[in-house]
Amino acid sequence: MRFVKMHGCGNDYVYVDGFEETPPTDPSSLSKRISDRHTGVGSDGLILVLPSEEADAEMVMFNADGTPGEMCGNGLRCIGKLLFDRGHVRNERIRVKTAAGVRELQLFVDAGRVARVRVNMGKPILAPAQIPTLLEGDRIVDQPLVVNGRELRVTCVSMGNPHCVVAVDDVARFPVAEVGAAIERHDVFPRRTNVEFIAELGPHVVRQRTWERGSGETLACGSGACAVGVAQRLRGRSTGTLRVELRGGVLEVDVDDGGAVFLTGPAEHVFEGVWSSE
């Protein structure tokens, strides 16, 4: 099976081009094996790019632990690059079906190749039962949550997948692995959650580290950056375009007048290869 390794700001996935390859019969198991950074290709998960009757393509994603994921902003940008660079689409505005609905992408082409992509990630979900979280209230904004004896203030958002945003003083020194793992599986998140730890660098700039559900800490998280953009607005901390500085690069998040969240950032091809499970 041929595959493509791609990344958006260091958030790397193995992609299978279903326009040219037969999709794996057990993608969940494959994701665990191929994502291993010692015995596999090494990635944050597996993404299948499949033909679709509803859109230009369909994204089916799996985390590094084999669990399915609903949404991946960095993955969507890379899919846009894969589709255009391989000639599956010729338009610079395309649509991709995901488990969270169809998303629209604007491709920015340089010398015949996609360099950056802007994704309409849709409107955030703020109703606790739909995120889902068992925390009480109409919206979960700066609510206290005790984790490992530490009281944190959390804001919960779904971008088609669940996120818990935690503001901290020093994100570089914060114990992301310890606290992130505890929040991911906290009782108040029945389907687990992604966790974004942020520190404000200015009115329109934050530094973010992400603990991704099923993958651990990653260099970037696109849907997480969108959740942070929404959280900063809910907290009254930011308006306009938010610059999100991640360990793997920079993403831009903005919200239009209708409430839709837009994510802009790079998409990069790393290498291609052939995978054999034997």
C-alpha atoms as a PDB file:
ATOM      1  CA  MET A   1       0.000   0.000   0.000  1.00  0.00           C
ATOM      2  CA  ARG A   2       1.445   3.362  -1.028  1.00  0.00           C
ATOM      3  CA  PHE A   3       1.227   6.222   1.473  1.00  0.00           C
ATOM      4  CA  VAL A   4       2.136   9.886   1.773  1.00  0.00           C
ATOM      5  CA  LYS A   5       3.599  11.507   4.889  1.00  0.00           C
ATOM      6  CA  MET A   6       2.471  15.130   5.318  1.00  0.00           C
ATOM      7  CA  HIS A   7       2.293  17.675   8.113  1.00  0.00           C
ATOM      8  CA  GLY A   8       0.732  20.991   9.053  1.00  0.00           C
ATOM      9  CA  CYS A   9       2.913  22.878  11.548  1.00  0.00           C
ATOM     10  CA  GLY A  10       4.450  19.568  12.633  1.00  0.00           C
ATOM     11  CA  ASN A  11       1.096  17.828  13.197  1.00  0.00           C
ATOM     12  CA  ASP A  12       1.980  14.856  10.999  1.00  0.00           C
ATOM     13  CA  TYR A  13      -0.202  12.108   9.559  1.00  0.00           C
ATOM     14  CA  VAL A  14       0.161   9.212   7.174  1.00  0.00           C
ATOM     15  CA  TYR A  15      -2.238   9.669   4.241  1.00  0.00           C
ATOM     16  CA  VAL A  16      -3.632   6.996   1.961  1.00  0.00           C
ATOM     17  CA  ASP A  17      -4.839   8.346  -1.382  1.00  0.00           C
ATOM     18  CA  GLY A  18      -8.062   6.417  -1.937  1.00  0.00           C
ATOM     19  CA  PHE A  19      -8.323   7.816  -5.479  1.00  0.00           C
ATOM     20  CA  GLU A  20      -5.324   5.638  -6.376  1.00  0.00           C
ATOM     21  CA  GLU A  21      -5.066   3.003  -3.620  1.00  0.00           C
ATOM     22  CA  THR A  22      -7.454   0.428  -2.193  1.00  0.00           C
ATOM     23  CA  PRO A  23      -8.233   1.575   1.379  1.00  0.00           C
ATOM     24  CA  PRO A  24      -7.036  -0.735   4.189  1.00  0.00           C
ATOM     25  CA  THR A  25      -9.579  -3.216   5.523  1.00  0.00           C
ATOM     26  CA  ASP A  26      -8.706  -2.493   9.167  1.00  0.00           C
ATOM     27  CA  PRO A  27      -7.620   1.164   9.322  1.00  0.00           C
ATOM     28  CA  SER A  28      -7.876   1.330  13.117  1.00  0.00           C
ATOM     29  CA  SER A  29      -5.297  -1.412  13.592  1.00  0.00           C
ATOM     30  CA  LEU A  30      -3.157  -0.008  10.786  1.00  0.00           C
ATOM     31  CA  SER A  31      -3.139   3.427  12.409  1.00  0.00           C
ATOM     32  CA  LYS A  32      -1.647   2.029  15.605  1.00  0.00           C
ATOM     33  CA  ARG A  33       1.085   0.179  13.725  1.00  0.00           C
ATOM     34  CA  ILE A  34       1.944   2.784  11.111  1.00  0.00           C
ATOM     35  CA  SER A  35       1.931   5.676  13.616  1.00  0.00           C
ATOM     36  CA  ASP A  36       4.544   4.081  15.877  1.00  0.00           C
ATOM     37  CA  ARG A  37       7.651   6.256  15.720  1.00  0.00           C
ATOM     38  CA  HIS A  38       9.998   3.327  16.348  1.00  0.00           C
ATOM     39  CA  THR A  39       8.531   0.422  14.384  1.00  0.00           C
ATOM     40  CA  GLY A  40       6.270   2.238  11.915  1.00  0.00           C
ATOM     41  CA  VAL A  41       6.383   5.319   9.721  1.00  0.00           C
ATOM     42  CA  GLY A  42       5.788   7.605  12.690  1.00  0.00           C
ATOM     43  CA  SER A  43       2.821   9.983  12.868  1.00  0.00           C
ATOM     44  CA  ASP A  44       0.005  11.417  14.944  1.00  0.00           C
ATOM     45  CA  GLY A  45      -2.400   9.113  13.123  1.00  0.00           C
ATOM     46  CA  LEU A  46      -3.744   7.836   9.815  1.00  0.00           C
ATOM     47  CA  ILE A  47      -5.953   9.732   7.352  1.00  0.00           C
ATOM     48  CA  LEU A  48      -7.769   8.136   4.431  1.00  0.00           C
ATOM     49  CA  VAL A  49      -8.580  10.450   1.500  1.00  0.00           C
ATOM     50  CA  LEU A  50     -11.550   8.884  -0.277  1.00  0.00           C
ATOM     51  CA  PRO A  51     -13.811   9.739  -3.235  1.00  0.00           C
ATOM     52  CA  SER A  52     -17.139  11.256  -2.228  1.00  0.00           C
ATOM     53  CA  GLU A  53     -20.473  11.856  -3.925  1.00  0.00           C
ATOM     54  CA  GLU A  54     -21.166  14.820  -1.603  1.00  0.00           C
ATOM     55  CA  ALA A  55     -17.882  16.692  -1.953  1.00  0.00           C
ATOM     56  CA  ASP A  56     -14.551  16.656  -3.777  1.00  0.00           C
ATOM     57  CA  ALA A  57     -13.252  14.071  -1.285  1.00  0.00           C
ATOM     58  CA  GLU A  58     -13.902  12.537   2.119  1.00  0.00           C
ATOM     59  CA  MET A  59     -11.565  12.522   5.126  1.00  0.00           C
ATOM     60  CA  VAL A  60     -11.621   9.493   7.423  1.00  0.00           C
ATOM     61  CA  MET A  61      -9.129   9.836  10.260  1.00  0.00           C
ATOM     62  CA  PHE A  62      -7.768   7.705  13.072  1.00  0.00           C
ATOM     63  CA  ASN A  63      -5.636   8.773  16.012  1.00  0.00           C
ATOM     64  CA  ALA A  64      -2.323   7.140  16.814  1.00  0.00           C
ATOM     65  CA  ASP A  65      -4.045   4.796  19.287  1.00  0.00           C
ATOM     66  CA  GLY A  66      -6.457   3.583  16.597  1.00  0.00           C
ATOM     67  CA  THR A  67      -9.503   5.484  17.808  1.00  0.00           C
ATOM     68  CA  PRO A  68     -11.498   7.398  15.169  1.00  0.00           C
ATOM     69  CA  GLY A  69     -11.410  11.191  15.076  1.00  0.00           C
ATOM     70  CA  GLU A  70     -14.139  13.507  13.863  1.00  0.00           C
ATOM     71  CA  MET A  71     -12.093  16.511  12.790  1.00  0.00           C
ATOM     72  CA  CYS A  72      -8.532  17.614  12.067  1.00  0.00           C
ATOM     73  CA  GLY A  73      -7.820  21.122  10.818  1.00  0.00           C
ATOM     74  CA  ASN A  74      -4.183  20.404   9.973  1.00  0.00           C
ATOM     75  CA  GLY A  75      -5.260  17.195   8.253  1.00  0.00           C
ATOM     76  CA  LEU A  76      -7.815  19.049   6.141  1.00  0.00           C
ATOM     77  CA  ARG A  77      -5.187  21.496   4.907  1.00  0.00           C
ATOM     78  CA  CYS A  78      -2.903  18.639   3.917  1.00  0.00           C
ATOM     79  CA  ILE A  79      -5.772  16.907   2.115  1.00  0.00           C
ATOM     80  CA  GLY A  80      -6.292  20.064   0.078  1.00  0.00           C
ATOM     81  CA  LYS A  81      -2.634  19.998  -0.926  1.00  0.00           C
ATOM     82  CA  LEU A  82      -2.711  16.285  -1.745  1.00  0.00           C
ATOM     83  CA  LEU A  83      -5.816  16.609  -3.915  1.00  0.00           C
ATOM     84  CA  PHE A  84      -4.514  19.584  -5.884  1.00  0.00           C
ATOM     85  CA  ASP A  85      -0.874  18.575  -6.219  1.00  0.00           C
ATOM     86  CA  ARG A  86      -1.872  15.109  -7.451  1.00  0.00           C
ATOM     87  CA  GLY A  87      -4.373  16.497  -9.941  1.00  0.00           C
ATOM     88  CA  HIS A  88      -7.511  15.080  -8.332  1.00  0.00           C
ATOM     89  CA  VAL A  89      -8.933  18.625  -8.238  1.00  0.00           C
ATOM     90  CA  ARG A  90      -8.097  21.720 -10.293  1.00  0.00           C
ATOM     91  CA  ASN A  91     -10.164  24.319  -8.493  1.00  0.00           C
ATOM     92  CA  GLU A  92      -8.630  26.404  -5.735  1.00  0.00           C
ATOM     93  CA  ARG A  93     -11.880  26.242  -3.743  1.00  0.00           C
ATOM     94  CA  ILE A  94     -12.893  22.706  -2.813  1.00  0.00           C
ATOM     95  CA  ARG A  95     -15.102  20.833  -0.358  1.00  0.00           C
ATOM     96  CA  VAL A  96     -14.140  17.898   1.875  1.00  0.00           C
ATOM     97  CA  LYS A  97     -16.572  15.670   3.753  1.00  0.00           C
ATOM     98  CA  THR A  98     -15.674  14.876   7.370  1.00  0.00           C
ATOM     99  CA  ALA A  99     -17.379  13.093  10.246  1.00  0.00           C
ATOM    100  CA  ALA A 100     -18.341  16.575  11.488  1.00  0.00           C
ATOM    101  CA  GLY A 101     -19.817  17.682   8.152  1.00  0.00           C
ATOM    102  CA  VAL A 102     -18.585  19.113   4.847  1.00  0.00           C
ATOM    103  CA  ARG A 103     -15.846  21.744   5.126  1.00  0.00           C
ATOM    104  CA  GLU A 104     -14.822  24.308   2.487  1.00  0.00           C
ATOM    105  CA  LEU A 105     -11.161  24.933   1.695  1.00  0.00           C
ATOM    106  CA  GLN A 106      -9.435  27.770  -0.133  1.00  0.00           C
ATOM    107  CA  LEU A 107      -6.092  26.714  -1.607  1.00  0.00           C
ATOM    108  CA  PHE A 108      -3.220  29.168  -2.040  1.00  0.00           C
ATOM    109  CA  VAL A 109      -1.064  27.914  -4.916  1.00  0.00           C
ATOM    110  CA  ASP A 110       2.574  28.875  -5.524  1.00  0.00           C
ATOM    111  CA  ALA A 111       4.453  27.604  -8.603  1.00  0.00           C
ATOM    112  CA  GLY A 112       1.776  24.995  -9.267  1.00  0.00           C
ATOM    113  CA  ARG A 113       1.768  23.583  -5.729  1.00  0.00           C
ATOM    114  CA  VAL A 114      -0.370  24.320  -2.701  1.00  0.00           C
ATOM    115  CA  ALA A 115       1.593  26.164  -0.021  1.00  0.00           C
ATOM    116  CA  ARG A 116      -1.128  27.347   2.366  1.00  0.00           C
ATOM    117  CA  VAL A 117      -4.788  26.531   2.939  1.00  0.00           C
ATOM    118  CA  ARG A 118      -7.662  28.411   4.572  1.00  0.00           C
ATOM    119  CA  VAL A 119     -10.373  26.150   5.991  1.00  0.00           C
ATOM    120  CA  ASN A 120     -13.894  27.115   6.937  1.00  0.00           C
ATOM    121  CA  MET A 121     -14.172  25.020  10.095  1.00  0.00           C
ATOM    122  CA  GLY A 122     -17.847  25.904  10.629  1.00  0.00           C
ATOM    123  CA  LYS A 123     -19.517  27.294  13.708  1.00  0.00           C
ATOM    124  CA  PRO A 124     -18.360  26.163  17.154  1.00  0.00           C
ATOM    125  CA  ILE A 125     -20.614  24.074  19.356  1.00  0.00           C
ATOM    126  CA  LEU A 126     -20.954  25.541  22.837  1.00  0.00           C
ATOM    127  CA  ALA A 127     -23.849  23.596  24.379  1.00  0.00           C
ATOM    128  CA  PRO A 128     -22.254  21.366  27.049  1.00  0.00           C
ATOM    129  CA  ALA A 129     -24.305  18.277  26.177  1.00  0.00           C
ATOM    130  CA  GLN A 130     -23.189  18.492  22.554  1.00  0.00           C
ATOM    131  CA  ILE A 131     -19.467  19.044  23.205  1.00  0.00           C
ATOM    132  CA  PRO A 132     -19.931  16.773  25.266  1.00  0.00           C
ATOM    133  CA  THR A 133     -19.103  17.640  28.843  1.00  0.00           C
ATOM    134  CA  LEU A 134     -20.922  17.065  32.121  1.00  0.00           C
ATOM    135  CA  LEU A 135     -19.850  20.444  33.483  1.00  0.00           C
ATOM    136  CA  GLU A 136     -22.941  22.510  34.268  1.00  0.00           C
ATOM    137  CA  GLY A 137     -24.049  25.751  32.685  1.00  0.00           C
ATOM    138  CA  ASP A 138     -25.310  27.166  29.394  1.00  0.00           C
ATOM    139  CA  ARG A 139     -21.697  27.673  28.306  1.00  0.00           C
ATOM    140  CA  ILE A 140     -18.519  26.465  29.971  1.00  0.00           C
ATOM    141  CA  VAL A 141     -16.347  29.580  30.148  1.00  0.00           C
ATOM    142  CA  ASP A 142     -13.573  29.903  32.738  1.00  0.00           C
ATOM    143  CA  GLN A 143     -15.207  27.292  34.956  1.00  0.00           C
ATOM    144  CA  PRO A 144     -13.175  25.699  37.756  1.00  0.00           C
ATOM    145  CA  LEU A 145     -12.073  22.081  37.277  1.00  0.00           C
ATOM    146  CA  VAL A 146      -9.992  20.196  39.824  1.00  0.00           C
ATOM    147  CA  VAL A 147      -7.377  17.941  38.220  1.00  0.00           C
ATOM    148  CA  ASN A 148      -4.840  15.975  40.286  1.00  0.00           C
ATOM    149  CA  GLY A 149      -5.484  18.314  43.223  1.00  0.00           C
ATOM    150  CA  ARG A 150      -4.924  21.421  41.083  1.00  0.00           C
ATOM    151  CA  GLU A 151      -7.771  23.854  40.367  1.00  0.00           C
ATOM    152  CA  LEU A 152      -7.792  25.026  36.751  1.00  0.00           C
ATOM    153  CA  ARG A 153     -10.077  27.399  34.866  1.00  0.00           C
ATOM    154  CA  VAL A 154     -11.392  25.750  31.713  1.00  0.00           C
ATOM    155  CA  THR A 155     -13.396  26.769  28.642  1.00  0.00           C
ATOM    156  CA  CYS A 156     -15.031  24.019  26.578  1.00  0.00           C
ATOM    157  CA  VAL A 157     -15.701  24.160  22.845  1.00  0.00           C
ATOM    158  CA  SER A 158     -16.454  21.645  20.116  1.00  0.00           C
ATOM    159  CA  MET A 159     -15.214  22.200  16.578  1.00  0.00           C
ATOM    160  CA  GLY A 160     -16.818  18.915  15.567  1.00  0.00           C
ATOM    161  CA  ASN A 161     -14.529  17.300  18.145  1.00  0.00           C
ATOM    162  CA  PRO A 162     -14.287  18.171  21.860  1.00  0.00           C
ATOM    163  CA  HIS A 163     -11.767  20.666  23.260  1.00  0.00           C
ATOM    164  CA  CYS A 164     -10.943  21.936  26.725  1.00  0.00           C
ATOM    165  CA  VAL A 165      -8.955  25.201  26.756  1.00  0.00           C
ATOM    166  CA  VAL A 166      -6.875  25.966  29.844  1.00  0.00           C
ATOM    167  CA  ALA A 167      -5.176  29.334  30.370  1.00  0.00           C
ATOM    168  CA  VAL A 168      -1.861  29.126  32.262  1.00  0.00           C
ATOM    169  CA  ASP A 169       0.898  31.584  33.141  1.00  0.00           C
ATOM    170  CA  ASP A 170       3.853  29.746  31.603  1.00  0.00           C
ATOM    171  CA  VAL A 171       2.905  27.200  28.959  1.00  0.00           C
ATOM    172  CA  ALA A 172       6.532  26.201  28.349  1.00  0.00           C
ATOM    173  CA  ARG A 173       6.989  24.951  31.909  1.00  0.00           C
ATOM    174  CA  PHE A 174       3.491  23.621  32.495  1.00  0.00           C
ATOM    175  CA  PRO A 175       3.260  19.796  33.012  1.00  0.00           C
ATOM    176  CA  VAL A 176       1.253  19.237  29.819  1.00  0.00           C
ATOM    177  CA  ALA A 177       1.691  15.461  29.695  1.00  0.00           C
ATOM    178  CA  GLU A 178       0.602  14.882  33.293  1.00  0.00           C
ATOM    179  CA  VAL A 179      -2.323  17.298  33.370  1.00  0.00           C
ATOM    180  CA  GLY A 180      -3.352  16.797  29.748  1.00  0.00           C
ATOM    181  CA  ALA A 181      -3.672  13.053  30.178  1.00  0.00           C
ATOM    182  CA  ALA A 182      -5.742  13.539  33.331  1.00  0.00           C
ATOM    183  CA  ILE A 183      -8.104  16.027  31.679  1.00  0.00           C
ATOM    184  CA  GLU A 184      -8.473  13.880  28.538  1.00  0.00           C
ATOM    185  CA  ARG A 185      -9.964  11.068  30.612  1.00  0.00           C
ATOM    186  CA  HIS A 186     -11.632  13.157  33.329  1.00  0.00           C
ATOM    187  CA  ASP A 187     -15.110  11.997  34.339  1.00  0.00           C
ATOM    188  CA  VAL A 188     -16.673  15.245  33.072  1.00  0.00           C
ATOM    189  CA  PHE A 189     -15.715  14.336  29.483  1.00  0.00           C
ATOM    190  CA  PRO A 190     -17.676  11.178  28.589  1.00  0.00           C
ATOM    191  CA  ARG A 191     -16.048  10.897  25.146  1.00  0.00           C
ATOM    192  CA  ARG A 192     -12.678  12.145  26.377  1.00  0.00           C
ATOM    193  CA  THR A 193     -11.354  15.475  25.110  1.00  0.00           C
ATOM    194  CA  ASN A 194      -8.487  17.299  23.456  1.00  0.00           C
ATOM    195  CA  VAL A 195      -6.781  19.794  25.762  1.00  0.00           C
ATOM    196  CA  GLU A 196      -5.215  23.136  24.803  1.00  0.00           C
ATOM    197  CA  PHE A 197      -2.915  24.907  27.263  1.00  0.00           C
ATOM    198  CA  ILE A 198      -2.417  28.561  26.345  1.00  0.00           C
ATOM    199  CA  ALA A 199      -0.470  31.577  27.547  1.00  0.00           C
ATOM    200  CA  GLU A 200      -1.295  35.060  26.289  1.00  0.00           C
ATOM    201  CA  LEU A 201       1.558  36.953  24.644  1.00  0.00           C
ATOM    202  CA  GLY A 202      -0.573  39.944  23.670  1.00  0.00           C
ATOM    203  CA  PRO A 203      -4.175  40.905  22.834  1.00  0.00           C
ATOM    204  CA  HIS A 204      -4.120  38.922  19.580  1.00  0.00           C
ATOM    205  CA  VAL A 205      -1.338  36.387  20.189  1.00  0.00           C
ATOM    206  CA  VAL A 206      -1.232  33.184  22.247  1.00  0.00           C
ATOM    207  CA  ARG A 207       1.240  30.381  22.652  1.00  0.00           C
ATOM    208  CA  GLN A 208      -0.378  26.939  22.653  1.00  0.00           C
ATOM    209  CA  ARG A 209       0.568  23.406  23.587  1.00  0.00           C
ATOM    210  CA  THR A 210      -1.887  20.613  22.858  1.00  0.00           C
ATOM    211  CA  TRP A 211      -2.602  17.247  24.393  1.00  0.00           C
ATOM    212  CA  GLU A 212      -4.570  15.416  21.691  1.00  0.00           C
ATOM    213  CA  ARG A 213      -7.109  12.756  22.535  1.00  0.00           C
ATOM    214  CA  GLY A 214      -5.640   9.418  21.502  1.00  0.00           C
ATOM    215  CA  SER A 215      -2.269  10.799  20.378  1.00  0.00           C
ATOM    216  CA  GLY A 216      -0.685  12.612  23.334  1.00  0.00           C
ATOM    217  CA  GLU A 217       1.147  15.914  22.964  1.00  0.00           C
ATOM    218  CA  THR A 218       1.499  16.987  19.336  1.00  0.00           C
ATOM    219  CA  LEU A 219       3.406  19.841  17.732  1.00  0.00           C
ATOM    220  CA  ALA A 220       0.174  21.479  16.576  1.00  0.00           C
ATOM    221  CA  CYS A 221      -3.600  21.035  16.510  1.00  0.00           C
ATOM    222  CA  GLY A 222      -5.668  22.954  13.967  1.00  0.00           C
ATOM    223  CA  SER A 223      -9.102  22.332  15.448  1.00  0.00           C
ATOM    224  CA  GLY A 224      -7.537  23.080  18.826  1.00  0.00           C
ATOM    225  CA  ALA A 225      -6.263  26.440  17.577  1.00  0.00           C
ATOM    226  CA  CYS A 226      -9.815  27.186  16.409  1.00  0.00           C
ATOM    227  CA  ALA A 227     -11.176  26.232  19.826  1.00  0.00           C
ATOM    228  CA  VAL A 228      -8.639  28.587  21.395  1.00  0.00           C
ATOM    229  CA  GLY A 229      -9.756  31.400  19.084  1.00  0.00           C
ATOM    230  CA  VAL A 230     -13.360  30.835  20.147  1.00  0.00           C
ATOM    231  CA  ALA A 231     -12.410  30.549  23.825  1.00  0.00           C
ATOM    232  CA  GLN A 232     -10.488  33.819  23.756  1.00  0.00           C
ATOM    233  CA  ARG A 233     -13.538  35.587  22.361  1.00  0.00           C
ATOM    234  CA  LEU A 234     -15.830  34.000  24.949  1.00  0.00           C
ATOM    235  CA  ARG A 235     -13.441  35.072  27.692  1.00  0.00           C
ATOM    236  CA  GLY A 236     -13.355  38.626  26.336  1.00  0.00           C
ATOM    237  CA  ARG A 237      -9.612  38.389  25.761  1.00  0.00           C
ATOM    238  CA  SER A 238      -9.383  38.823  21.995  1.00  0.00           C
ATOM    239  CA  THR A 239     -11.244  39.988  18.905  1.00  0.00           C
ATOM    240  CA  GLY A 240     -10.177  39.911  15.269  1.00  0.00           C
ATOM    241  CA  THR A 241      -7.558  37.547  13.885  1.00  0.00           C
ATOM    242  CA  LEU A 242      -5.738  35.501  16.537  1.00  0.00           C
ATOM    243  CA  ARG A 243      -2.138  34.419  15.953  1.00  0.00           C
ATOM    244  CA  VAL A 244      -1.591  31.012  17.532  1.00  0.00           C
ATOM    245  CA  GLU A 245       2.046  30.074  18.096  1.00  0.00           C
ATOM    246  CA  LEU A 246       2.520  26.316  18.393  1.00  0.00           C
ATOM    247  CA  ARG A 247       5.582  24.161  18.862  1.00  0.00           C
ATOM    248  CA  GLY A 248       5.524  23.330  15.148  1.00  0.00           C
ATOM    249  CA  GLY A 249       4.653  26.701  13.630  1.00  0.00           C
ATOM    250  CA  VAL A 250       2.043  29.452  13.445  1.00  0.00           C
ATOM    251  CA  LEU A 251      -1.661  29.304  12.592  1.00  0.00           C
ATOM    252  CA  GLU A 252      -4.149  32.127  12.137  1.00  0.00           C
ATOM    253  CA  VAL A 253      -7.737  31.926  13.387  1.00  0.00           C
ATOM    254  CA  ASP A 254     -10.532  34.365  12.656  1.00  0.00           C
ATOM    255  CA  VAL A 255     -14.326  34.404  12.888  1.00  0.00           C
ATOM    256  CA  ASP A 256     -16.698  35.926  10.318  1.00  0.00           C
ATOM    257  CA  ASP A 257     -19.871  37.894  11.035  1.00  0.00           C
ATOM    258  CA  GLY A 258     -21.947  34.704  10.833  1.00  0.00           C
ATOM    259  CA  GLY A 259     -19.893  32.982  13.527  1.00  0.00           C
ATOM    260  CA  ALA A 260     -17.954  30.592  11.267  1.00  0.00           C
ATOM    261  CA  VAL A 261     -14.344  29.937  12.318  1.00  0.00           C
ATOM    262  CA  PHE A 262     -11.565  30.063   9.708  1.00  0.00           C
ATOM    263  CA  LEU A 263      -8.159  28.413  10.062  1.00  0.00           C
ATOM    264  CA  THR A 264      -5.211  29.418   7.860  1.00  0.00           C
ATOM    265  CA  GLY A 265      -1.788  27.802   7.761  1.00  0.00           C
ATOM    266  CA  PRO A 266       0.772  25.773   5.807  1.00  0.00           C
ATOM    267  CA  ALA A 267       0.532  22.247   4.427  1.00  0.00           C
ATOM    268  CA  GLU A 268       3.708  20.347   3.631  1.00  0.00           C
ATOM    269  CA  HIS A 269       4.646  17.120   1.850  1.00  0.00           C
ATOM    270  CA  VAL A 270       7.371  15.125   3.618  1.00  0.00           C
ATOM    271  CA  PHE A 271       7.851  11.866   1.706  1.00  0.00           C
ATOM    272  CA  GLU A 272       6.100   8.929   0.073  1.00  0.00           C
ATOM    273  CA  GLY A 273       6.600   5.213   0.538  1.00  0.00           C
ATOM    274  CA  VAL A 274       5.177   1.707   0.441  1.00  0.00           C
ATOM    275  CA  TRP A 275       3.860   0.041   3.588  1.00  0.00           C
ATOM    276  CA  SER A 276       3.899  -3.699   4.080  1.00  0.00           C
ATOM    277  CA  SER A 277       2.424  -5.239   7.219  1.00  0.00           C
ATOM    278  CA  GLU A 278       4.388  -8.431   6.694  1.00  0.00           C
END
